[in-house]
């Protein structure tokens, strides 16, 4: 009985810790995102249509996009330069940060870009 309870307790601890790490650290993402502000806006809501709005986008989408930029699956010389040195954890952190920000209406058509 003790062994069963111990196994259960350990499995509960592991399952509660792993998803928190996988979601990324919003505060670490906020710090890392300072370089993103020049193009994507201080709050992730770019006012220039050539730069996409990052605030409020889905975390999984942002992660996939950054991985694709880093590995050459998406072609953009500027983003390749920024994404290439990112670690997997930094990508998770950035995605968590931008996903947590409130997205604003697009200035182009008045619709959410999400």
Protein backbone atom coordinates (compact mmCIF):
# COMPACT_ATOMS: atom_id res chain seq x y z
CA UNK A 1 0.00 0.00 0.00
CA UNK A 2 2.82 2.42 0.89
CA UNK A 3 4.56 1.67 -2.40
CA UNK A 4 1.36 2.37 -4.34
CA UNK A 5 0.85 5.68 -2.55
CA UNK A 6 4.48 6.66 -3.09
CA UNK A 7 4.26 5.83 -6.79
CA UNK A 8 1.04 7.81 -7.08
CA UNK A 9 2.55 10.80 -5.26
CA UNK A 10 5.62 10.83 -7.51
CA UNK A 11 3.55 10.55 -10.67
CA UNK A 12 1.32 13.43 -9.54
CA UNK A 13 4.37 15.57 -8.83
CA UNK A 14 5.91 14.83 -12.23
CA UNK A 15 2.71 15.54 -14.14
CA UNK A 16 2.19 18.82 -12.31
CA UNK A 17 5.75 20.07 -12.95
CA UNK A 18 6.30 19.05 -16.58
CA UNK A 19 3.37 20.94 -18.14
CA UNK A 20 4.39 24.12 -16.33
CA UNK A 21 7.84 23.95 -17.91
CA UNK A 22 6.47 23.08 -21.34
CA UNK A 23 4.24 26.15 -21.33
CA UNK A 24 7.22 28.49 -21.07
CA UNK A 25 8.16 31.19 -18.61
CA UNK A 26 6.27 34.42 -19.34
CA UNK A 27 8.72 36.62 -17.39
CA UNK A 28 11.74 35.12 -19.18
CA UNK A 29 9.91 35.61 -22.48
CA UNK A 30 9.22 39.25 -21.62
CA UNK A 31 12.92 39.86 -21.05
CA UNK A 32 13.91 38.05 -24.25
CA UNK A 33 11.22 39.90 -26.27
CA UNK A 34 12.84 43.32 -25.88
CA UNK A 35 14.61 42.87 -29.22
CA UNK A 36 11.26 42.04 -30.87
CA UNK A 37 9.81 45.45 -30.00
CA UNK A 38 11.51 47.33 -32.85
CA UNK A 39 9.37 45.54 -35.45
CA UNK A 40 6.49 43.94 -33.55
CA UNK A 41 5.70 46.82 -31.18
CA UNK A 42 6.28 47.38 -27.49
CA UNK A 43 3.19 45.36 -26.62
CA UNK A 44 3.42 42.85 -29.49
CA UNK A 45 0.76 44.75 -31.48
CA UNK A 46 2.66 46.02 -34.50
CA UNK A 47 1.25 49.11 -36.17
CA UNK A 48 3.19 48.45 -39.38
CA UNK A 49 1.38 45.91 -41.58
CA UNK A 50 4.62 44.38 -42.81
CA UNK A 51 5.29 43.05 -39.30
CA UNK A 52 2.74 40.61 -37.87
CA UNK A 53 0.99 41.14 -34.57
CA UNK A 54 2.32 38.65 -32.02
CA UNK A 55 0.22 39.58 -28.99
CA UNK A 56 -2.65 37.21 -28.38
CA UNK A 57 -1.56 34.67 -30.98
CA UNK A 58 -1.77 31.00 -30.09
CA UNK A 59 1.27 29.74 -28.16
CA UNK A 60 1.62 26.65 -30.34
CA UNK A 61 1.53 28.74 -33.51
CA UNK A 62 4.25 31.09 -32.22
CA UNK A 63 6.43 28.15 -31.18
CA UNK A 64 6.05 26.47 -34.56
CA UNK A 65 6.80 29.70 -36.42
CA UNK A 66 9.96 30.37 -34.42
CA UNK A 67 11.16 26.79 -34.88
CA UNK A 68 10.53 27.08 -38.63
CA UNK A 69 12.43 30.38 -38.84
CA UNK A 70 15.31 28.92 -36.83
CA UNK A 71 15.57 25.80 -38.96
CA UNK A 72 14.98 27.48 -42.34
CA UNK A 73 11.46 26.17 -42.92
CA UNK A 74 10.26 29.77 -43.18
CA UNK A 75 12.31 32.12 -45.29
CA UNK A 76 12.94 35.57 -43.83
CA UNK A 77 16.50 36.84 -43.46
CA UNK A 78 15.64 39.14 -40.55
CA UNK A 79 13.78 36.48 -38.57
CA UNK A 80 16.42 33.85 -39.34
CA UNK A 81 19.01 36.10 -37.71
CA UNK A 82 16.91 36.49 -34.58
CA UNK A 83 15.59 32.92 -34.39
CA UNK A 84 18.78 30.99 -35.22
CA UNK A 85 20.44 31.42 -31.79
CA UNK A 86 17.26 30.74 -29.78
CA UNK A 87 17.14 27.63 -27.63
CA UNK A 88 13.99 25.52 -27.44
CA UNK A 89 13.33 26.94 -23.95
CA UNK A 90 13.69 30.53 -25.18
CA UNK A 91 11.19 29.78 -27.96
CA UNK A 92 8.77 28.38 -25.37
CA UNK A 93 9.26 31.46 -23.20
CA UNK A 94 8.72 33.91 -26.05
CA UNK A 95 5.62 32.06 -27.22
CA UNK A 96 4.19 32.03 -23.68
CA UNK A 97 4.84 35.75 -23.29
CA UNK A 98 3.28 36.87 -26.57
CA UNK A 99 0.34 34.49 -26.19
CA UNK A 100 -0.40 36.02 -22.78
CA UNK A 101 -0.55 39.57 -24.13
CA UNK A 102 -3.88 41.03 -25.21
CA UNK A 103 -4.18 41.26 -28.97
CA UNK A 104 -5.65 44.38 -30.51
CA UNK A 105 -7.81 44.84 -33.55
CA UNK A 106 -5.96 45.08 -36.81
CA UNK A 107 -5.65 48.62 -38.07
CA UNK A 108 -6.08 47.33 -41.61
CA UNK A 109 -9.58 45.88 -41.50
CA UNK A 110 -10.87 46.17 -37.94
CA UNK A 111 -10.82 42.39 -37.41
CA UNK A 112 -8.76 40.35 -35.00
CA UNK A 113 -5.76 38.76 -36.67
CA UNK A 114 -5.96 35.66 -34.51
